[in-house]
């Protein structure tokens, strides 16, 4: 399968909604990697980090501490 004829590499990423951010917070709390979450939402991993830190959607509840990844 090739790239769709509608594909435009210059097209901006999708904007995240508050509902998206709520799901993203739950996924981060579950230990998922930020870059994989970003790929699912077609956004830069930096946007996911901004949701995690509260820079985006600061009114949403976040855990007091995020889970540590297992090595």
PDB file of N, CA and C in Angstrom:
ATOM      1  N   UNK A   1       0.839  -1.181   0.000  1.00  0.00           N
ATOM      2  CA  UNK A   1       0.000   0.000   0.000  1.00  0.00           C
ATOM      3  C   UNK A   1       0.883   1.242   0.000  1.00  0.00           C
ATOM      4  N   UNK A   2       0.590   2.175  -0.842  1.00  0.00           N
ATOM      5  CA  UNK A   2       1.373   3.396  -0.924  1.00  0.00           C
ATOM      6  C   UNK A   2       0.720   4.532  -0.155  1.00  0.00           C
ATOM      7  N   UNK A   3       1.295   5.692  -0.332  1.00  0.00           N
ATOM      8  CA  UNK A   3       0.762   6.889   0.316  1.00  0.00           C
ATOM      9  C   UNK A   3      -0.507   7.317  -0.407  1.00  0.00           C
ATOM     10  N   UNK A   4      -1.515   7.666   0.346  1.00  0.00           N
ATOM     11  CA  UNK A   4      -2.788   8.105  -0.214  1.00  0.00           C
ATOM     12  C   UNK A   4      -2.599   9.356  -1.057  1.00  0.00           C
ATOM     13  N   UNK A   5      -3.420   9.501  -2.078  1.00  0.00           N
ATOM     14  CA  UNK A   5      -3.350  10.693  -2.925  1.00  0.00           C
ATOM     15  C   UNK A   5      -3.738  11.944  -2.144  1.00  0.00           C
ATOM     16  N   UNK A   6      -4.393  11.759  -0.977  1.00  0.00           N
ATOM     17  CA  UNK A   6      -4.790  12.887  -0.144  1.00  0.00           C
ATOM     18  C   UNK A   6      -3.683  13.288   0.840  1.00  0.00           C
ATOM     19  N   UNK A   7      -2.602  12.504   0.900  1.00  0.00           N
ATOM     20  CA  UNK A   7      -1.513  12.775   1.831  1.00  0.00           C
ATOM     21  C   UNK A   7      -0.815  14.071   1.462  1.00  0.00           C
ATOM     22  N   UNK A   8      -0.603  14.918   2.461  1.00  0.00           N
ATOM     23  CA  UNK A   8       0.097  16.178   2.258  1.00  0.00           C
ATOM     24  C   UNK A   8       1.060  16.354   3.420  1.00  0.00           C
ATOM     25  N   UNK A   9       2.379  16.175   3.181  1.00  0.00           N
ATOM     26  CA  UNK A   9       3.327  16.281   4.296  1.00  0.00           C
ATOM     27  C   UNK A   9       3.381  17.672   4.912  1.00  0.00           C
ATOM     28  N   UNK A  10       2.875  18.676   4.244  1.00  0.00           N
ATOM     29  CA  UNK A  10       2.896  20.036   4.768  1.00  0.00           C
ATOM     30  C   UNK A  10       1.636  20.366   5.558  1.00  0.00           C
ATOM     31  N   UNK A  11       0.703  19.432   5.616  1.00  0.00           N
ATOM     32  CA  UNK A  11      -0.542  19.649   6.350  1.00  0.00           C
ATOM     33  C   UNK A  11      -0.257  19.643   7.848  1.00  0.00           C
ATOM     34  N   UNK A  12      -0.786  20.607   8.593  1.00  0.00           N
ATOM     35  CA  UNK A  12      -0.525  20.638  10.038  1.00  0.00           C
ATOM     36  C   UNK A  12      -1.143  19.448  10.756  1.00  0.00           C
ATOM     37  N   UNK A  13      -0.577  19.133  11.914  1.00  0.00           N
ATOM     38  CA  UNK A  13      -1.119  18.059  12.742  1.00  0.00           C
ATOM     39  C   UNK A  13      -2.511  18.410  13.232  1.00  0.00           C
ATOM     40  N   UNK A  14      -3.208  17.401  13.626  1.00  0.00           N
ATOM     41  CA  UNK A  14      -4.556  17.565  14.163  1.00  0.00           C
ATOM     42  C   UNK A  14      -4.495  18.292  15.514  1.00  0.00           C
ATOM     43  N   UNK A  15      -5.495  19.084  15.791  1.00  0.00           N
ATOM     44  CA  UNK A  15      -5.601  19.752  17.093  1.00  0.00           C
ATOM     45  C   UNK A  15      -6.222  18.780  18.097  1.00  0.00           C
ATOM     46  N   UNK A  16      -5.706  18.764  19.301  1.00  0.00           N
ATOM     47  CA  UNK A  16      -6.229  17.881  20.332  1.00  0.00           C
ATOM     48  C   UNK A  16      -7.420  18.529  21.033  1.00  0.00           C
ATOM     49  N   UNK A  17      -8.420  17.726  21.337  1.00  0.00           N
ATOM     50  CA  UNK A  17      -9.584  18.202  22.090  1.00  0.00           C
ATOM     51  C   UNK A  17      -9.395  17.843  23.562  1.00  0.00           C
ATOM     52  N   UNK A  18     -10.265  18.365  24.391  1.00  0.00           N
ATOM     53  CA  UNK A  18     -10.210  18.028  25.813  1.00  0.00           C
ATOM     54  C   UNK A  18     -10.466  16.541  26.033  1.00  0.00           C
ATOM     55  N   UNK A  19     -11.368  15.973  25.234  1.00  0.00           N
ATOM     56  CA  UNK A  19     -11.635  14.531  25.335  1.00  0.00           C
ATOM     57  C   UNK A  19     -10.390  13.732  24.958  1.00  0.00           C
ATOM     58  N   UNK A  20      -9.687  14.171  23.901  1.00  0.00           N
ATOM     59  CA  UNK A  20      -8.426  13.519  23.521  1.00  0.00           C
ATOM     60  C   UNK A  20      -7.443  13.583  24.681  1.00  0.00           C
ATOM     61  N   UNK A  21      -7.309  14.761  25.287  1.00  0.00           N
ATOM     62  CA  UNK A  21      -6.360  14.954  26.376  1.00  0.00           C
ATOM     63  C   UNK A  21      -6.683  14.044  27.561  1.00  0.00           C
ATOM     64  N   UNK A  22      -7.957  13.862  27.848  1.00  0.00           N
ATOM     65  CA  UNK A  22      -8.370  12.968  28.942  1.00  0.00           C
ATOM     66  C   UNK A  22      -7.909  11.534  28.661  1.00  0.00           C
ATOM     67  N   UNK A  23      -8.096  11.080  27.428  1.00  0.00           N
ATOM     68  CA  UNK A  23      -7.653   9.728  27.051  1.00  0.00           C
ATOM     69  C   UNK A  23      -6.126   9.635  27.072  1.00  0.00           C
ATOM     70  N   UNK A  24      -5.458  10.693  26.639  1.00  0.00           N
ATOM     71  CA  UNK A  24      -3.997  10.712  26.629  1.00  0.00           C
ATOM     72  C   UNK A  24      -3.456  10.598  28.054  1.00  0.00           C
ATOM     73  N   UNK A  25      -4.039  11.329  28.979  1.00  0.00           N
ATOM     74  CA  UNK A  25      -3.608  11.266  30.384  1.00  0.00           C
ATOM     75  C   UNK A  25      -3.769   9.843  30.926  1.00  0.00           C
ATOM     76  N   UNK A  26      -4.872   9.200  30.595  1.00  0.00           N
ATOM     77  CA  UNK A  26      -5.091   7.821  31.056  1.00  0.00           C
ATOM     78  C   UNK A  26      -4.050   6.880  30.464  1.00  0.00           C
ATOM     79  N   UNK A  27      -3.712   7.092  29.197  1.00  0.00           N
ATOM     80  CA  UNK A  27      -2.728   6.222  28.545  1.00  0.00           C
ATOM     81  C   UNK A  27      -1.333   6.439  29.119  1.00  0.00           C
ATOM     82  N   UNK A  28      -0.982   7.682  29.405  1.00  0.00           N
ATOM     83  CA  UNK A  28       0.318   7.963  30.026  1.00  0.00           C
ATOM     84  C   UNK A  28       0.367   7.315  31.410  1.00  0.00           C
ATOM     85  N   UNK A  29      -0.724   7.463  32.166  1.00  0.00           N
ATOM     86  CA  UNK A  29      -0.793   6.860  33.502  1.00  0.00           C
ATOM     87  C   UNK A  29      -0.670   5.341  33.426  1.00  0.00           C
ATOM     88  N   UNK A  30      -1.094   4.771  32.303  1.00  0.00           N
ATOM     89  CA  UNK A  30      -0.976   3.334  32.101  1.00  0.00           C
ATOM     90  C   UNK A  30       0.417   2.895  31.677  1.00  0.00           C
ATOM     91  N   UNK A  31       1.312   3.851  31.463  1.00  0.00           N
ATOM     92  CA  UNK A  31       2.699   3.515  31.145  1.00  0.00           C
ATOM     93  C   UNK A  31       3.050   3.487  29.672  1.00  0.00           C
ATOM     94  N   UNK A  32       2.148   3.955  28.810  1.00  0.00           N
ATOM     95  CA  UNK A  32       2.453   3.946  27.378  1.00  0.00           C
ATOM     96  C   UNK A  32       3.497   5.005  27.027  1.00  0.00           C
ATOM     97  N   UNK A  33       4.245   4.743  25.967  1.00  0.00           N
ATOM     98  CA  UNK A  33       5.256   5.672  25.492  1.00  0.00           C
ATOM     99  C   UNK A  33       4.593   6.871  24.808  1.00  0.00           C
ATOM    100  N   UNK A  34       5.136   8.063  25.081  1.00  0.00           N
ATOM    101  CA  UNK A  34       4.563   9.286  24.514  1.00  0.00           C
ATOM    102  C   UNK A  34       4.591   9.277  22.989  1.00  0.00           C
ATOM    103  N   UNK A  35       5.668   8.767  22.402  1.00  0.00           N
ATOM    104  CA  UNK A  35       5.753   8.788  20.945  1.00  0.00           C
ATOM    105  C   UNK A  35       4.710   7.876  20.297  1.00  0.00           C
ATOM    106  N   UNK A  36       4.360   6.802  20.957  1.00  0.00           N
ATOM    107  CA  UNK A  36       3.319   5.917  20.396  1.00  0.00           C
ATOM    108  C   UNK A  36       1.934   6.542  20.517  1.00  0.00           C
ATOM    109  N   UNK A  37       1.701   7.234  21.624  1.00  0.00           N
ATOM    110  CA  UNK A  37       0.427   7.947  21.779  1.00  0.00           C
ATOM    111  C   UNK A  37       0.335   9.038  20.717  1.00  0.00           C
ATOM    112  N   UNK A  38       1.427   9.763  20.517  1.00  0.00           N
ATOM    113  CA  UNK A  38       1.455  10.839  19.523  1.00  0.00           C
ATOM    114  C   UNK A  38       1.134  10.305  18.130  1.00  0.00           C
ATOM    115  N   UNK A  39       1.681   9.155  17.785  1.00  0.00           N
ATOM    116  CA  UNK A  39       1.416   8.566  16.472  1.00  0.00           C
ATOM    117  C   UNK A  39      -0.068   8.247  16.302  1.00  0.00           C
ATOM    118  N   UNK A  40      -0.709   7.774  17.352  1.00  0.00           N
ATOM    119  CA  UNK A  40      -2.140   7.456  17.276  1.00  0.00           C
ATOM    120  C   UNK A  40      -2.996   8.694  17.043  1.00  0.00           C
ATOM    121  N   UNK A  41      -2.540   9.841  17.533  1.00  0.00           N
ATOM    122  CA  UNK A  41      -3.303  11.088  17.391  1.00  0.00           C
ATOM    123  C   UNK A  41      -2.778  11.977  16.264  1.00  0.00           C
ATOM    124  N   UNK A  42      -1.743  11.514  15.556  1.00  0.00           N
ATOM    125  CA  UNK A  42      -1.123  12.265  14.456  1.00  0.00           C
ATOM    126  C   UNK A  42      -0.672  13.647  14.909  1.00  0.00           C
ATOM    127  N   UNK A  43       0.024  13.672  16.043  1.00  0.00           N
ATOM    128  CA  UNK A  43       0.593  14.919  16.565  1.00  0.00           C
ATOM    129  C   UNK A  43       2.053  14.677  16.927  1.00  0.00           C
ATOM    130  N   UNK A  44       2.774  15.749  17.138  1.00  0.00           N
ATOM    131  CA  UNK A  44       4.161  15.694  17.567  1.00  0.00           C
ATOM    132  C   UNK A  44       4.205  15.206  19.018  1.00  0.00           C
ATOM    133  N   UNK A  45       5.194  14.386  19.389  1.00  0.00           N
ATOM    134  CA  UNK A  45       5.296  13.947  20.784  1.00  0.00           C
ATOM    135  C   UNK A  45       5.372  15.101  21.778  1.00  0.00           C
ATOM    136  N   UNK A  46       5.816  16.257  21.326  1.00  0.00           N
ATOM    137  CA  UNK A  46       5.847  17.430  22.201  1.00  0.00           C
ATOM    138  C   UNK A  46       4.466  17.841  22.670  1.00  0.00           C
ATOM    139  N   UNK A  47       3.443  17.661  21.817  1.00  0.00           N
ATOM    140  CA  UNK A  47       2.073  17.977  22.230  1.00  0.00           C
ATOM    141  C   UNK A  47       1.627  17.039  23.333  1.00  0.00           C
ATOM    142  N   UNK A  48       2.012  15.774  23.250  1.00  0.00           N
ATOM    143  CA  UNK A  48       1.637  14.807  24.283  1.00  0.00           C
ATOM    144  C   UNK A  48       2.337  15.173  25.586  1.00  0.00           C
ATOM    145  N   UNK A  49       3.581  15.589  25.499  1.00  0.00           N
ATOM    146  CA  UNK A  49       4.315  16.026  26.682  1.00  0.00           C
ATOM    147  C   UNK A  49       3.655  17.244  27.314  1.00  0.00           C
ATOM    148  N   UNK A  50       3.153  18.152  26.484  1.00  0.00           N
ATOM    149  CA  UNK A  50       2.474  19.340  27.013  1.00  0.00           C
ATOM    150  C   UNK A  50       1.177  18.966  27.735  1.00  0.00           C
ATOM    151  N   UNK A  51       0.499  17.940  27.254  1.00  0.00           N
ATOM    152  CA  UNK A  51      -0.686  17.448  27.965  1.00  0.00           C
ATOM    153  C   UNK A  51      -0.239  16.851  29.298  1.00  0.00           C
ATOM    154  N   UNK A  52       0.840  16.070  29.275  1.00  0.00           N
ATOM    155  CA  UNK A  52       1.339  15.417  30.489  1.00  0.00           C
ATOM    156  C   UNK A  52       1.716  16.433  31.560  1.00  0.00           C
ATOM    157  N   UNK A  53       2.412  17.494  31.171  1.00  0.00           N
ATOM    158  CA  UNK A  53       2.893  18.473  32.151  1.00  0.00           C
ATOM    159  C   UNK A  53       1.840  19.493  32.566  1.00  0.00           C
ATOM    160  N   UNK A  54       0.739  19.574  31.811  1.00  0.00           N
ATOM    161  CA  UNK A  54      -0.312  20.527  32.148  1.00  0.00           C
ATOM    162  C   UNK A  54      -0.215  21.841  31.393  1.00  0.00           C
ATOM    163  N   UNK A  55       0.737  21.951  30.479  1.00  0.00           N
ATOM    164  CA  UNK A  55       0.826  23.169  29.668  1.00  0.00           C
ATOM    165  C   UNK A  55      -0.414  23.285  28.774  1.00  0.00           C
ATOM    166  N   UNK A  56      -0.864  22.158  28.255  1.00  0.00           N
ATOM    167  CA  UNK A  56      -2.130  22.106  27.523  1.00  0.00           C
ATOM    168  C   UNK A  56      -3.184  21.511  28.450  1.00  0.00           C
ATOM    169  N   UNK A  57      -4.357  22.057  28.438  1.00  0.00           N
ATOM    170  CA  UNK A  57      -5.488  21.591  29.247  1.00  0.00           C
ATOM    171  C   UNK A  57      -5.116  21.514  30.740  1.00  0.00           C
ATOM    172  N   UNK A  58      -4.678  22.617  31.319  1.00  0.00           N
ATOM    173  CA  UNK A  58      -4.252  22.598  32.722  1.00  0.00           C
ATOM    174  C   UNK A  58      -5.371  22.276  33.713  1.00  0.00           C
ATOM    175  N   UNK A  59      -6.616  22.422  33.302  1.00  0.00           N
ATOM    176  CA  UNK A  59      -7.723  22.168  34.232  1.00  0.00           C
ATOM    177  C   UNK A  59      -8.006  20.676  34.423  1.00  0.00           C
ATOM    178  N   UNK A  60      -7.443  19.816  33.590  1.00  0.00           N
ATOM    179  CA  UNK A  60      -7.693  18.378  33.717  1.00  0.00           C
ATOM    180  C   UNK A  60      -6.878  17.785  34.858  1.00  0.00           C
ATOM    181  N   UNK A  61      -7.465  16.792  35.528  1.00  0.00           N
ATOM    182  CA  UNK A  61      -6.786  16.117  36.644  1.00  0.00           C
ATOM    183  C   UNK A  61      -5.672  15.223  36.112  1.00  0.00           C
ATOM    184  N   UNK A  62      -4.531  15.287  36.780  1.00  0.00           N
ATOM    185  CA  UNK A  62      -3.390  14.430  36.477  1.00  0.00           C
ATOM    186  C   UNK A  62      -2.960  13.728  37.747  1.00  0.00           C
ATOM    187  N   UNK A  63      -2.361  12.543  37.619  1.00  0.00           N
ATOM    188  CA  UNK A  63      -1.880  11.855  38.820  1.00  0.00           C
ATOM    189  C   UNK A  63      -0.777  12.664  39.498  1.00  0.00           C
ATOM    190  N   UNK A  64      -0.658  12.576  40.826  1.00  0.00           N
ATOM    191  CA  UNK A  64       0.398  13.319  41.515  1.00  0.00           C
ATOM    192  C   UNK A  64       1.792  12.881  41.064  1.00  0.00           C
ATOM    193  N   UNK A  65       1.940  11.615  40.694  1.00  0.00           N
ATOM    194  CA  UNK A  65       3.212  11.147  40.139  1.00  0.00           C
ATOM    195  C   UNK A  65       2.903  10.126  39.039  1.00  0.00           C
ATOM    196  N   UNK A  66       3.678  10.201  37.988  1.00  0.00           N
ATOM    197  CA  UNK A  66       3.473   9.305  36.861  1.00  0.00           C
ATOM    198  C   UNK A  66       4.192   7.993  37.146  1.00  0.00           C
ATOM    199  N   UNK A  67       3.693   6.894  36.592  1.00  0.00           N
ATOM    200  CA  UNK A  67       4.335   5.590  36.848  1.00  0.00           C
ATOM    201  C   UNK A  67       5.743   5.546  36.247  1.00  0.00           C
ATOM    202  N   UNK A  68       6.616   4.811  36.902  1.00  0.00           N
ATOM    203  CA  UNK A  68       7.972   4.597  36.394  1.00  0.00           C
ATOM    204  C   UNK A  68       7.933   3.427  35.416  1.00  0.00           C
ATOM    205  N   UNK A  69       8.739   3.530  34.367  1.00  0.00           N
ATOM    206  CA  UNK A  69       8.823   2.445  33.409  1.00  0.00           C
ATOM    207  C   UNK A  69       9.709   1.328  33.960  1.00  0.00           C
ATOM    208  N   UNK A  70       9.336   0.109  33.647  1.00  0.00           N
ATOM    209  CA  UNK A  70      10.134  -1.034  34.060  1.00  0.00           C
ATOM    210  C   UNK A  70      11.315  -1.178  33.107  1.00  0.00           C
ATOM    211  N   UNK A  71      12.475  -1.482  33.655  1.00  0.00           N
ATOM    212  CA  UNK A  71      13.674  -1.659  32.813  1.00  0.00           C
ATOM    213  C   UNK A  71      13.891  -3.097  32.478  1.00  0.00           C
TER     214      UNK A  71
END
